[in-house]
Amino acid sequence: MKQSKGLTAFVRDECANYSKHDEGCLFDESCKVMDGRRCDYFEKAVLGPPDYKYKLPGYDYQKLFAQYAEQTEAERQQVEVRRCECGTPLRHRQRYCDDCTMKRRRKTKRVSQKAWRMAV
């Protein structure tokens, strides 16, 4: 007989990093799973892969996987894409898109050359 325990009950009962006294993670301020974020430890050590054959009795693992996937999908959708001044999406560690970088470089070069010509 499978009980219908949810994801929060599963985390409270089975996660070794969850502190019932503090109602949160031992290594973080709050439990990532309870906040709707991904937790590597929970995925690998507690929930395990979908085909894991040594599952704990009393839990509906299909339901747990579905609830966890729904939470992490909502987290992924909230991530904002950084954009340049012109609206082009930026890559990691990029401040301006390639076109705006060239425009800014030309403008700076013009100002620098004008200042140099005035000084001579």
PDB file of N, CA and C in Angstrom:
ATOM      1  N   MET A   1       0.836  -1.185   0.000  1.00  0.00           N
ATOM      2  CA  MET A   1       0.000   0.000   0.000  1.00  0.00           C
ATOM      3  C   MET A   1       0.881   1.248   0.000  1.00  0.00           C
ATOM      4  N   LYS A   2       0.715   2.103  -0.999  1.00  0.00           N
ATOM      5  CA  LYS A   2       1.488   3.325  -1.117  1.00  0.00           C
ATOM      6  C   LYS A   2       0.747   4.463  -0.440  1.00  0.00           C
ATOM      7  N   GLN A   3       1.473   5.183   0.401  1.00  0.00           N
ATOM      8  CA  GLN A   3       0.881   6.338   1.036  1.00  0.00           C
ATOM      9  C   GLN A   3       1.016   7.521   0.092  1.00  0.00           C
ATOM     10  N   SER A   4       0.205   8.502   0.290  1.00  0.00           N
ATOM     11  CA  SER A   4       0.229   9.662  -0.581  1.00  0.00           C
ATOM     12  C   SER A   4       0.955  10.822   0.101  1.00  0.00           C
ATOM     13  N   LYS A   5       2.209  10.590   0.493  1.00  0.00           N
ATOM     14  CA  LYS A   5       2.997  11.657   1.098  1.00  0.00           C
ATOM     15  C   LYS A   5       3.535  12.547  -0.009  1.00  0.00           C
ATOM     16  N   GLY A   6       3.575  13.825   0.276  1.00  0.00           N
ATOM     17  CA  GLY A   6       4.054  14.777  -0.709  1.00  0.00           C
ATOM     18  C   GLY A   6       5.554  14.967  -0.638  1.00  0.00           C
ATOM     19  N   LEU A   7       6.033  15.881  -1.448  1.00  0.00           N
ATOM     20  CA  LEU A   7       7.462  16.149  -1.550  1.00  0.00           C
ATOM     21  C   LEU A   7       8.011  16.738  -0.252  1.00  0.00           C
ATOM     22  N   THR A   8       7.260  17.614   0.392  1.00  0.00           N
ATOM     23  CA  THR A   8       7.760  18.217   1.635  1.00  0.00           C
ATOM     24  C   THR A   8       7.903  17.179   2.737  1.00  0.00           C
ATOM     25  N   ALA A   9       6.964  16.275   2.849  1.00  0.00           N
ATOM     26  CA  ALA A   9       7.062  15.217   3.858  1.00  0.00           C
ATOM     27  C   ALA A   9       8.238  14.293   3.551  1.00  0.00           C
ATOM     28  N   PHE A  10       8.460  14.033   2.284  1.00  0.00           N
ATOM     29  CA  PHE A  10       9.585  13.194   1.885  1.00  0.00           C
ATOM     30  C   PHE A  10      10.912  13.846   2.265  1.00  0.00           C
ATOM     31  N   VAL A  11      11.024  15.142   2.033  1.00  0.00           N
ATOM     32  CA  VAL A  11      12.250  15.862   2.388  1.00  0.00           C
ATOM     33  C   VAL A  11      12.450  15.836   3.895  1.00  0.00           C
ATOM     34  N   ARG A  12      11.409  16.130   4.659  1.00  0.00           N
ATOM     35  CA  ARG A  12      11.523  16.148   6.121  1.00  0.00           C
ATOM     36  C   ARG A  12      11.926  14.787   6.685  1.00  0.00           C
ATOM     37  N   ASP A  13      11.374  13.723   6.131  1.00  0.00           N
ATOM     38  CA  ASP A  13      11.620  12.384   6.674  1.00  0.00           C
ATOM     39  C   ASP A  13      12.928  11.771   6.191  1.00  0.00           C
ATOM     40  N   GLU A  14      13.307  11.998   4.949  1.00  0.00           N
ATOM     41  CA  GLU A  14      14.393  11.223   4.366  1.00  0.00           C
ATOM     42  C   GLU A  14      15.693  11.979   4.099  1.00  0.00           C
ATOM     43  N   CYS A  15      15.675  13.282   3.990  1.00  0.00           N
ATOM     44  CA  CYS A  15      16.895  14.028   3.683  1.00  0.00           C
ATOM     45  C   CYS A  15      17.750  14.168   4.940  1.00  0.00           C
ATOM     46  N   ALA A  16      18.993  13.726   4.849  1.00  0.00           N
ATOM     47  CA  ALA A  16      19.903  13.781   5.996  1.00  0.00           C
ATOM     48  C   ALA A  16      20.338  15.203   6.305  1.00  0.00           C
ATOM     49  N   ASN A  17      20.263  16.103   5.350  1.00  0.00           N
ATOM     50  CA  ASN A  17      20.676  17.492   5.557  1.00  0.00           C
ATOM     51  C   ASN A  17      19.562  18.367   6.100  1.00  0.00           C
ATOM     52  N   TYR A  18      18.362  17.834   6.211  1.00  0.00           N
ATOM     53  CA  TYR A  18      17.234  18.631   6.704  1.00  0.00           C
ATOM     54  C   TYR A  18      17.201  18.577   8.221  1.00  0.00           C
ATOM     55  N   SER A  19      17.171  19.734   8.852  1.00  0.00           N
ATOM     56  CA  SER A  19      17.111  19.825  10.305  1.00  0.00           C
ATOM     57  C   SER A  19      15.672  20.126  10.724  1.00  0.00           C
ATOM     58  N   LYS A  20      15.061  19.195  11.432  1.00  0.00           N
ATOM     59  CA  LYS A  20      13.688  19.415  11.885  1.00  0.00           C
ATOM     60  C   LYS A  20      13.628  20.487  12.965  1.00  0.00           C
ATOM     61  N   HIS A  21      14.710  20.612  13.717  1.00  0.00           N
ATOM     62  CA  HIS A  21      14.755  21.621  14.779  1.00  0.00           C
ATOM     63  C   HIS A  21      14.754  23.033  14.188  1.00  0.00           C
ATOM     64  N   ASP A  22      15.605  23.251  13.185  1.00  0.00           N
ATOM     65  CA  ASP A  22      15.703  24.570  12.551  1.00  0.00           C
ATOM     66  C   ASP A  22      14.754  24.727  11.372  1.00  0.00           C
ATOM     67  N   GLU A  23      14.128  23.635  10.964  1.00  0.00           N
ATOM     68  CA  GLU A  23      13.239  23.596   9.805  1.00  0.00           C
ATOM     69  C   GLU A  23      13.917  24.147   8.564  1.00  0.00           C
ATOM     70  N   GLY A  24      15.095  23.648   8.294  1.00  0.00           N
ATOM     71  CA  GLY A  24      15.849  24.066   7.125  1.00  0.00           C
ATOM     72  C   GLY A  24      17.040  23.172   6.901  1.00  0.00           C
ATOM     73  N   CYS A  25      17.845  23.538   5.951  1.00  0.00           N
ATOM     74  CA  CYS A  25      19.025  22.759   5.603  1.00  0.00           C
ATOM     75  C   CYS A  25      20.143  23.024   6.601  1.00  0.00           C
ATOM     76  N   LEU A  26      20.942  22.010   6.865  1.00  0.00           N
ATOM     77  CA  LEU A  26      22.072  22.174   7.775  1.00  0.00           C
ATOM     78  C   LEU A  26      23.177  23.016   7.154  1.00  0.00           C
ATOM     79  N   PHE A  27      23.267  23.027   5.814  1.00  0.00           N
ATOM     80  CA  PHE A  27      24.349  23.712   5.128  1.00  0.00           C
ATOM     81  C   PHE A  27      23.939  25.011   4.467  1.00  0.00           C
ATOM     82  N   ASP A  28      22.691  25.370   4.551  1.00  0.00           N
ATOM     83  CA  ASP A  28      22.185  26.585   3.933  1.00  0.00           C
ATOM     84  C   ASP A  28      21.160  27.201   4.886  1.00  0.00           C
ATOM     85  N   GLU A  29      20.773  28.420   4.646  1.00  0.00           N
ATOM     86  CA  GLU A  29      19.796  29.065   5.531  1.00  0.00           C
ATOM     87  C   GLU A  29      18.437  28.387   5.473  1.00  0.00           C
ATOM     88  N   SER A  30      18.032  28.007   4.277  1.00  0.00           N
ATOM     89  CA  SER A  30      16.746  27.346   4.131  1.00  0.00           C
ATOM     90  C   SER A  30      16.896  26.179   3.157  1.00  0.00           C
ATOM     91  N   CYS A  31      15.957  25.272   3.210  1.00  0.00           N
ATOM     92  CA  CYS A  31      15.987  24.100   2.334  1.00  0.00           C
ATOM     93  C   CYS A  31      15.672  24.536   0.904  1.00  0.00           C
ATOM     94  N   LYS A  32      16.542  24.187  -0.023  1.00  0.00           N
ATOM     95  CA  LYS A  32      16.346  24.589  -1.420  1.00  0.00           C
ATOM     96  C   LYS A  32      15.100  23.948  -2.011  1.00  0.00           C
ATOM     97  N   VAL A  33      14.851  22.687  -1.669  1.00  0.00           N
ATOM     98  CA  VAL A  33      13.687  21.988  -2.226  1.00  0.00           C
ATOM     99  C   VAL A  33      12.400  22.628  -1.730  1.00  0.00           C
ATOM    100  N   MET A  34      12.376  23.004  -0.471  1.00  0.00           N
ATOM    101  CA  MET A  34      11.179  23.654   0.086  1.00  0.00           C
ATOM    102  C   MET A  34      10.947  25.030  -0.541  1.00  0.00           C
ATOM    103  N   ASP A  35      12.049  25.681  -0.955  1.00  0.00           N
ATOM    104  CA  ASP A  35      11.931  26.997  -1.601  1.00  0.00           C
ATOM    105  C   ASP A  35      11.652  26.896  -3.093  1.00  0.00           C
ATOM    106  N   GLY A  36      11.621  25.678  -3.629  1.00  0.00           N
ATOM    107  CA  GLY A  36      11.340  25.498  -5.046  1.00  0.00           C
ATOM    108  C   GLY A  36      12.562  25.608  -5.928  1.00  0.00           C
ATOM    109  N   ARG A  37      13.765  25.399  -5.355  1.00  0.00           N
ATOM    110  CA  ARG A  37      15.001  25.450  -6.133  1.00  0.00           C
ATOM    111  C   ARG A  37      15.604  24.064  -6.238  1.00  0.00           C
ATOM    112  N   ARG A  38      16.558  23.917  -7.162  1.00  0.00           N
ATOM    113  CA  ARG A  38      17.233  22.635  -7.341  1.00  0.00           C
ATOM    114  C   ARG A  38      18.245  22.414  -6.225  1.00  0.00           C
ATOM    115  N   CYS A  39      18.358  21.172  -5.774  1.00  0.00           N
ATOM    116  CA  CYS A  39      19.340  20.793  -4.765  1.00  0.00           C
ATOM    117  C   CYS A  39      20.057  19.545  -5.279  1.00  0.00           C
ATOM    118  N   ASP A  40      21.359  19.678  -5.538  1.00  0.00           N
ATOM    119  CA  ASP A  40      22.127  18.556  -6.075  1.00  0.00           C
ATOM    120  C   ASP A  40      22.146  17.370  -5.120  1.00  0.00           C
ATOM    121  N   TYR A  41      22.314  17.632  -3.834  1.00  0.00           N
ATOM    122  CA  TYR A  41      22.342  16.539  -2.863  1.00  0.00           C
ATOM    123  C   TYR A  41      21.026  15.790  -2.865  1.00  0.00           C
ATOM    124  N   PHE A  42      19.924  16.520  -2.857  1.00  0.00           N
ATOM    125  CA  PHE A  42      18.607  15.885  -2.848  1.00  0.00           C
ATOM    126  C   PHE A  42      18.399  15.033  -4.096  1.00  0.00           C
ATOM    127  N   GLU A  43      18.799  15.567  -5.251  1.00  0.00           N
ATOM    128  CA  GLU A  43      18.620  14.826  -6.501  1.00  0.00           C
ATOM    129  C   GLU A  43      19.420  13.527  -6.522  1.00  0.00           C
ATOM    130  N   LYS A  44      20.684  13.598  -6.091  1.00  0.00           N
ATOM    131  CA  LYS A  44      21.565  12.441  -6.204  1.00  0.00           C
ATOM    132  C   LYS A  44      21.406  11.443  -5.067  1.00  0.00           C
ATOM    133  N   ALA A  45      21.357  11.927  -3.835  1.00  0.00           N
ATOM    134  CA  ALA A  45      21.413  11.028  -2.689  1.00  0.00           C
ATOM    135  C   ALA A  45      20.049  10.651  -2.119  1.00  0.00           C
ATOM    136  N   VAL A  46      19.090  11.524  -2.183  1.00  0.00           N
ATOM    137  CA  VAL A  46      17.801  11.242  -1.547  1.00  0.00           C
ATOM    138  C   VAL A  46      16.786  10.714  -2.555  1.00  0.00           C
ATOM    139  N   LEU A  47      16.556  11.463  -3.602  1.00  0.00           N
ATOM    140  CA  LEU A  47      15.560  11.062  -4.595  1.00  0.00           C
ATOM    141  C   LEU A  47      16.088   9.956  -5.491  1.00  0.00           C
ATOM    142  N   GLY A  48      17.341  10.060  -5.888  1.00  0.00           N
ATOM    143  CA  GLY A  48      17.945   9.022  -6.723  1.00  0.00           C
ATOM    144  C   GLY A  48      17.436   9.060  -8.147  1.00  0.00           C
ATOM    145  N   PRO A  49      18.002   8.212  -9.005  1.00  0.00           N
ATOM    146  CA  PRO A  49      17.541   8.163 -10.392  1.00  0.00           C
ATOM    147  C   PRO A  49      16.164   7.505 -10.486  1.00  0.00           C
ATOM    148  N   PRO A  50      15.433   7.755 -11.558  1.00  0.00           N
ATOM    149  CA  PRO A  50      14.093   7.168 -11.686  1.00  0.00           C
ATOM    150  C   PRO A  50      14.084   5.639 -11.697  1.00  0.00           C
ATOM    151  N   ASP A  51      15.162   5.017 -12.162  1.00  0.00           N
ATOM    152  CA  ASP A  51      15.189   3.554 -12.225  1.00  0.00           C
ATOM    153  C   ASP A  51      15.886   2.920 -11.018  1.00  0.00           C
ATOM    154  N   TYR A  52      16.025   3.655  -9.925  1.00  0.00           N
ATOM    155  CA  TYR A  52      16.684   3.154  -8.720  1.00  0.00           C
ATOM    156  C   TYR A  52      15.842   2.030  -8.129  1.00  0.00           C
ATOM    157  N   LYS A  53      16.437   0.858  -7.917  1.00  0.00           N
ATOM    158  CA  LYS A  53      15.636  -0.292  -7.492  1.00  0.00           C
ATOM    159  C   LYS A  53      15.493  -0.427  -5.984  1.00  0.00           C
ATOM    160  N   TYR A  54      16.241   0.343  -5.201  1.00  0.00           N
ATOM    161  CA  TYR A  54      16.153   0.255  -3.746  1.00  0.00           C
ATOM    162  C   TYR A  54      15.395   1.448  -3.174  1.00  0.00           C
ATOM    163  N   LYS A  55      14.188   1.646  -3.640  1.00  0.00           N
ATOM    164  CA  LYS A  55      13.378   2.775  -3.192  1.00  0.00           C
ATOM    165  C   LYS A  55      12.745   2.469  -1.839  1.00  0.00           C
ATOM    166  N   LEU A  56      12.519   3.517  -1.074  1.00  0.00           N
ATOM    167  CA  LEU A  56      11.928   3.359   0.248  1.00  0.00           C
ATOM    168  C   LEU A  56      10.441   3.069   0.137  1.00  0.00           C
ATOM    169  N   PRO A  57       9.941   2.141   0.935  1.00  0.00           N
ATOM    170  CA  PRO A  57       8.508   1.848   0.884  1.00  0.00           C
ATOM    171  C   PRO A  57       7.700   2.979   1.512  1.00  0.00           C
ATOM    172  N   GLY A  58       6.492   3.151   1.034  1.00  0.00           N
ATOM    173  CA  GLY A  58       5.602   4.161   1.593  1.00  0.00           C
ATOM    174  C   GLY A  58       5.546   5.451   0.802  1.00  0.00           C
ATOM    175  N   TYR A  59       6.263   5.523  -0.310  1.00  0.00           N
ATOM    176  CA  TYR A  59       6.274   6.747  -1.105  1.00  0.00           C
ATOM    177  C   TYR A  59       5.936   6.420  -2.556  1.00  0.00           C
ATOM    178  N   ASP A  60       5.176   7.289  -3.161  1.00  0.00           N
ATOM    179  CA  ASP A  60       4.861   7.174  -4.579  1.00  0.00           C
ATOM    180  C   ASP A  60       5.921   7.974  -5.347  1.00  0.00           C
ATOM    181  N   TYR A  61       6.937   7.279  -5.845  1.00  0.00           N
ATOM    182  CA  TYR A  61       8.075   7.955  -6.451  1.00  0.00           C
ATOM    183  C   TYR A  61       7.722   8.679  -7.745  1.00  0.00           C
ATOM    184  N   GLN A  62       6.764   8.170  -8.488  1.00  0.00           N
ATOM    185  CA  GLN A  62       6.349   8.877  -9.703  1.00  0.00           C
ATOM    186  C   GLN A  62       5.776  10.245  -9.345  1.00  0.00           C
ATOM    187  N   LYS A  63       5.003  10.298  -8.292  1.00  0.00           N
ATOM    188  CA  LYS A  63       4.423  11.560  -7.841  1.00  0.00           C
ATOM    189  C   LYS A  63       5.522  12.502  -7.336  1.00  0.00           C
ATOM    190  N   LEU A  64       6.500  11.962  -6.597  1.00  0.00           N
ATOM    191  CA  LEU A  64       7.594  12.784  -6.084  1.00  0.00           C
ATOM    192  C   LEU A  64       8.426  13.372  -7.216  1.00  0.00           C
ATOM    193  N   PHE A  65       8.743  12.535  -8.215  1.00  0.00           N
ATOM    194  CA  PHE A  65       9.500  13.034  -9.365  1.00  0.00           C
ATOM    195  C   PHE A  65       8.729  14.118 -10.095  1.00  0.00           C
ATOM    196  N   ALA A  66       7.424  13.925 -10.234  1.00  0.00           N
ATOM    197  CA  ALA A  66       6.594  14.910 -10.937  1.00  0.00           C
ATOM    198  C   ALA A  66       6.555  16.234 -10.167  1.00  0.00           C
ATOM    199  N   GLN A  67       6.393  16.165  -8.841  1.00  0.00           N
ATOM    200  CA  GLN A  67       6.350  17.392  -8.038  1.00  0.00           C
ATOM    201  C   GLN A  67       7.685  18.117  -8.083  1.00  0.00           C
ATOM    202  N   TYR A  68       8.784  17.369  -7.977  1.00  0.00           N
ATOM    203  CA  TYR A  68      10.103  17.999  -7.996  1.00  0.00           C
ATOM    204  C   TYR A  68      10.392  18.605  -9.364  1.00  0.00           C
ATOM    205  N   ALA A  69      10.030  17.905 -10.431  1.00  0.00           N
ATOM    206  CA  ALA A  69      10.236  18.436 -11.780  1.00  0.00           C
ATOM    207  C   ALA A  69       9.416  19.695 -12.005  1.00  0.00           C
ATOM    208  N   GLU A  70       8.210  19.722 -11.480  1.00  0.00           N
ATOM    209  CA  GLU A  70       7.349  20.905 -11.626  1.00  0.00           C
ATOM    210  C   GLU A  70       7.954  22.109 -10.905  1.00  0.00           C
ATOM    211  N   GLN A  71       8.509  21.888  -9.716  1.00  0.00           N
ATOM    212  CA  GLN A  71       9.143  22.977  -8.968  1.00  0.00           C
ATOM    213  C   GLN A  71      10.369  23.512  -9.681  1.00  0.00           C
ATOM    214  N   THR A  72      11.232  22.617 -10.149  1.00  0.00           N
ATOM    215  CA  THR A  72      12.461  23.063 -10.793  1.00  0.00           C
ATOM    216  C   THR A  72      12.177  23.699 -12.147  1.00  0.00           C
ATOM    217  N   GLU A  73      11.130  23.278 -12.834  1.00  0.00           N
ATOM    218  CA  GLU A  73      10.753  23.902 -14.107  1.00  0.00           C
ATOM    219  C   GLU A  73      10.293  25.332 -13.868  1.00  0.00           C
ATOM    220  N   ALA A  74       9.545  25.547 -12.790  1.00  0.00           N
ATOM    221  CA  ALA A  74       9.101  26.900 -12.455  1.00  0.00           C
ATOM    222  C   ALA A  74      10.306  27.784 -12.138  1.00  0.00           C
ATOM    223  N   GLU A  75      11.331  27.211 -11.499  1.00  0.00           N
ATOM    224  CA  GLU A  75      12.547  27.972 -11.193  1.00  0.00           C
ATOM    225  C   GLU A  75      13.268  28.363 -12.475  1.00  0.00           C
ATOM    226  N   ARG A  76      13.375  27.436 -13.421  1.00  0.00           N
ATOM    227  CA  ARG A  76      14.064  27.727 -14.676  1.00  0.00           C
ATOM    228  C   ARG A  76      13.354  28.816 -15.464  1.00  0.00           C
ATOM    229  N   GLN A  77      12.042  28.870 -15.395  1.00  0.00           N
ATOM    230  CA  GLN A  77      11.305  29.873 -16.146  1.00  0.00           C
ATOM    231  C   GLN A  77      11.474  31.265 -15.551  1.00  0.00           C
ATOM    232  N   GLN A  78      11.847  31.356 -14.270  1.00  0.00           N
ATOM    233  CA  GLN A  78      12.003  32.645 -13.620  1.00  0.00           C
ATOM    234  C   GLN A  78      13.353  33.296 -13.915  1.00  0.00           C
ATOM    235  N   VAL A  79      14.288  32.555 -14.473  1.00  0.00           N
ATOM    236  CA  VAL A  79      15.613  33.099 -14.763  1.00  0.00           C
ATOM    237  C   VAL A  79      15.494  34.131 -15.880  1.00  0.00           C
ATOM    238  N   GLU A  80      16.028  35.308 -15.633  1.00  0.00           N
ATOM    239  CA  GLU A  80      15.946  36.378 -16.616  1.00  0.00           C
ATOM    240  C   GLU A  80      17.154  36.338 -17.539  1.00  0.00           C
ATOM    241  N   VAL A  81      16.943  36.703 -18.774  1.00  0.00           N
ATOM    242  CA  VAL A  81      18.019  36.787 -19.744  1.00  0.00           C
ATOM    243  C   VAL A  81      18.525  38.218 -19.737  1.00  0.00           C
ATOM    244  N   ARG A  82      19.826  38.379 -19.547  1.00  0.00           N
ATOM    245  CA  ARG A  82      20.391  39.724 -19.581  1.00  0.00           C
ATOM    246  C   ARG A  82      20.415  40.221 -21.015  1.00  0.00           C
ATOM    247  N   ARG A  83      20.110  41.488 -21.182  1.00  0.00           N
ATOM    248  CA  ARG A  83      20.043  42.053 -22.523  1.00  0.00           C
ATOM    249  C   ARG A  83      20.900  43.309 -22.609  1.00  0.00           C
ATOM    250  N   CYS A  84      21.362  43.569 -23.804  1.00  0.00           N
ATOM    251  CA  CYS A  84      22.149  44.767 -24.102  1.00  0.00           C
ATOM    252  C   CYS A  84      21.212  45.976 -24.169  1.00  0.00           C
ATOM    253  N   GLU A  85      21.785  47.160 -24.331  1.00  0.00           N
ATOM    254  CA  GLU A  85      20.981  48.371 -24.459  1.00  0.00           C
ATOM    255  C   GLU A  85      20.054  48.313 -25.667  1.00  0.00           C
ATOM    256  N   CYS A  86      20.517  47.637 -26.723  1.00  0.00           N
ATOM    257  CA  CYS A  86      19.717  47.545 -27.950  1.00  0.00           C
ATOM    258  C   CYS A  86      18.685  46.420 -27.885  1.00  0.00           C
ATOM    259  N   GLY A  87      18.756  45.561 -26.857  1.00  0.00           N
ATOM    260  CA  GLY A  87      17.778  44.488 -26.706  1.00  0.00           C
ATOM    261  C   GLY A  87      18.296  43.112 -27.077  1.00  0.00           C
ATOM    262  N   THR A  88      19.515  43.005 -27.548  1.00  0.00           N
ATOM    263  CA  THR A  88      20.091  41.716 -27.927  1.00  0.00           C
ATOM    264  C   THR A  88      20.462  40.928 -26.664  1.00  0.00           C
ATOM    265  N   PRO A  89      20.127  39.622 -26.582  1.00  0.00           N
ATOM    266  CA  PRO A  89      20.524  38.824 -25.415  1.00  0.00           C
ATOM    267  C   PRO A  89      22.046  38.731 -25.315  1.00  0.00           C
ATOM    268  N   LEU A  90      22.549  38.788 -24.092  1.00  0.00           N
ATOM    269  CA  LEU A  90      23.990  38.757 -23.860  1.00  0.00           C
ATOM    270  C   LEU A  90      24.444  37.375 -23.414  1.00  0.00           C
ATOM    271  N   ARG A  91      25.679  37.038 -23.760  1.00  0.00           N
ATOM    272  CA  ARG A  91      26.288  35.794 -23.296  1.00  0.00           C
ATOM    273  C   ARG A  91      26.845  36.012 -21.895  1.00  0.00           C
ATOM    274  N   HIS A  92      27.343  34.949 -21.319  1.00  0.00           N
ATOM    275  CA  HIS A  92      27.925  35.008 -19.981  1.00  0.00           C
ATOM    276  C   HIS A  92      29.125  35.955 -19.961  1.00  0.00           C
ATOM    277  N   ARG A  93      29.169  36.842 -18.984  1.00  0.00           N
ATOM    278  CA  ARG A  93      30.249  37.801 -18.771  1.00  0.00           C
ATOM    279  C   ARG A  93      30.390  38.821 -19.900  1.00  0.00           C
ATOM    280  N   GLN A  94      29.366  38.999 -20.672  1.00  0.00           N
ATOM    281  CA  GLN A  94      29.400  39.962 -21.761  1.00  0.00           C
ATOM    282  C   GLN A  94      28.641  41.208 -21.318  1.00  0.00           C
ATOM    283  N   ARG A  95      29.252  42.370 -21.527  1.00  0.00           N
ATOM    284  CA  ARG A  95      28.634  43.613 -21.093  1.00  0.00           C
ATOM    285  C   ARG A  95      27.760  44.222 -22.185  1.00  0.00           C
ATOM    286  N   TYR A  96      28.233  44.186 -23.424  1.00  0.00           N
ATOM    287  CA  TYR A  96      27.504  44.730 -24.565  1.00  0.00           C
ATOM    288  C   TYR A  96      27.526  43.702 -25.691  1.00  0.00           C
ATOM    289  N   CYS A  97      26.548  43.772 -26.597  1.00  0.00           N
ATOM    290  CA  CYS A  97      26.568  42.891 -27.762  1.00  0.00           C
ATOM    291  C   CYS A  97      27.714  43.323 -28.686  1.00  0.00           C
ATOM    292  N   ASP A  98      28.003  42.519 -29.691  1.00  0.00           N
ATOM    293  CA  ASP A  98      29.134  42.799 -30.579  1.00  0.00           C
ATOM    294  C   ASP A  98      28.968  44.123 -31.325  1.00  0.00           C
ATOM    295  N   ASP A  99      27.764  44.410 -31.804  1.00  0.00           N
ATOM    296  CA  ASP A  99      27.528  45.659 -32.534  1.00  0.00           C
ATOM    297  C   ASP A  99      27.698  46.889 -31.634  1.00  0.00           C
ATOM    298  N   CYS A 100      27.133  46.835 -30.429  1.00  0.00           N
ATOM    299  CA  CYS A 100      27.252  47.968 -29.507  1.00  0.00           C
ATOM    300  C   CYS A 100      28.691  48.134 -29.024  1.00  0.00           C
ATOM    301  N   THR A 101      29.422  47.032 -28.888  1.00  0.00           N
ATOM    302  CA  THR A 101      30.830  47.120 -28.499  1.00  0.00           C
ATOM    303  C   THR A 101      31.616  47.888 -29.548  1.00  0.00           C
ATOM    304  N   MET A 102      31.391  47.576 -30.822  1.00  0.00           N
ATOM    305  CA  MET A 102      32.090  48.282 -31.898  1.00  0.00           C
ATOM    306  C   MET A 102      31.691  49.762 -31.936  1.00  0.00           C
ATOM    307  N   LYS A 103      30.408  50.066 -31.779  1.00  0.00           N
ATOM    308  CA  LYS A 103      29.958  51.458 -31.775  1.00  0.00           C
ATOM    309  C   LYS A 103      30.591  52.235 -30.632  1.00  0.00           C
ATOM    310  N   ARG A 104      30.640  51.657 -29.447  1.00  0.00           N
ATOM    311  CA  ARG A 104      31.237  52.326 -28.288  1.00  0.00           C
ATOM    312  C   ARG A 104      32.742  52.509 -28.491  1.00  0.00           C
ATOM    313  N   ARG A 105      33.390  51.504 -29.070  1.00  0.00           N
ATOM    314  CA  ARG A 105      34.827  51.598 -29.316  1.00  0.00           C
ATOM    315  C   ARG A 105      35.139  52.725 -30.298  1.00  0.00           C
ATOM    316  N   ARG A 106      34.335  52.833 -31.377  1.00  0.00           N
ATOM    317  CA  ARG A 106      34.533  53.910 -32.360  1.00  0.00           C
ATOM    318  C   ARG A 106      34.320  55.287 -31.721  1.00  0.00           C
ATOM    319  N   LYS A 107      33.277  55.390 -30.894  1.00  0.00           N
ATOM    320  CA  LYS A 107      32.982  56.665 -30.238  1.00  0.00           C
ATOM    321  C   LYS A 107      34.130  57.069 -29.302  1.00  0.00           C
ATOM    322  N   THR A 108      34.623  56.120 -28.508  1.00  0.00           N
ATOM    323  CA  THR A 108      35.736  56.401 -27.599  1.00  0.00           C
ATOM    324  C   THR A 108      36.984  56.783 -28.367  1.00  0.00           C
ATOM    325  N   LYS A 109      37.243  56.102 -29.482  1.00  0.00           N
ATOM    326  CA  LYS A 109      38.414  56.405 -30.310  1.00  0.00           C
ATOM    327  C   LYS A 109      38.318  57.819 -30.882  1.00  0.00           C
ATOM    328  N   ARG A 110      37.119  58.214 -31.347  1.00  0.00           N
ATOM    329  CA  ARG A 110      36.927  59.565 -31.882  1.00  0.00           C
ATOM    330  C   ARG A 110      37.201  60.626 -30.821  1.00  0.00           C
ATOM    331  N   VAL A 111      36.669  60.412 -29.620  1.00  0.00           N
ATOM    332  CA  VAL A 111      36.872  61.374 -28.535  1.00  0.00           C
ATOM    333  C   VAL A 111      38.348  61.457 -28.175  1.00  0.00           C
ATOM    334  N   SER A 112      38.998  60.306 -28.113  1.00  0.00           N
ATOM    335  CA  SER A 112      40.425  60.273 -27.775  1.00  0.00           C
ATOM    336  C   SER A 112      41.266  60.975 -28.835  1.00  0.00           C
ATOM    337  N   GLN A 113      40.988  60.724 -30.113  1.00  0.00           N
ATOM    338  CA  GLN A 113      41.729  61.364 -31.204  1.00  0.00           C
ATOM    339  C   GLN A 113      41.497  62.886 -31.209  1.00  0.00           C
ATOM    340  N   LYS A 114      40.260  63.286 -30.929  1.00  0.00           N
ATOM    341  CA  LYS A 114      39.954  64.725 -30.902  1.00  0.00           C
ATOM    342  C   LYS A 114      40.747  65.406 -29.784  1.00  0.00           C
ATOM    343  N   ALA A 115      40.807  64.762 -28.620  1.00  0.00           N
ATOM    344  CA  ALA A 115      41.558  65.327 -27.496  1.00  0.00           C
ATOM    345  C   ALA A 115      43.049  65.382 -27.817  1.00  0.00           C
ATOM    346  N   TRP A 116      43.559  64.396 -28.479  1.00  0.00           N
ATOM    347  CA  TRP A 116      44.990  64.363 -28.832  1.00  0.00           C
ATOM    348  C   TRP A 116      45.315  65.458 -29.831  1.00  0.00           C
ATOM    349  N   ARG A 117      44.408  65.663 -30.830  1.00  0.00           N
ATOM    350  CA  ARG A 117      44.647  66.707 -31.854  1.00  0.00           C
ATOM    351  C   ARG A 117      44.592  68.097 -31.234  1.00  0.00           C
ATOM    352  N   MET A 118      43.742  68.299 -30.244  1.00  0.00           N
ATOM    353  CA  MET A 118      43.641  69.597 -29.596  1.00  0.00           C
ATOM    354  C   MET A 118      44.872  69.882 -28.765  1.00  0.00           C
ATOM    355  N   ALA A 119      45.495  68.845 -28.213  1.00  0.00           N
ATOM    356  CA  ALA A 119      46.663  69.020 -27.360  1.00  0.00           C
ATOM    357  C   ALA A 119      47.904  69.328 -28.185  1.00  0.00           C
ATOM    358  N   VAL A 120      47.965  68.883 -29.424  1.00  0.00           N
ATOM    359  CA  VAL A 120      49.161  69.077 -30.252  1.00  0.00           C
ATOM    360  C   VAL A 120      49.174  70.402 -30.901  1.00  0.00           C
TER     361      VAL A 120
END
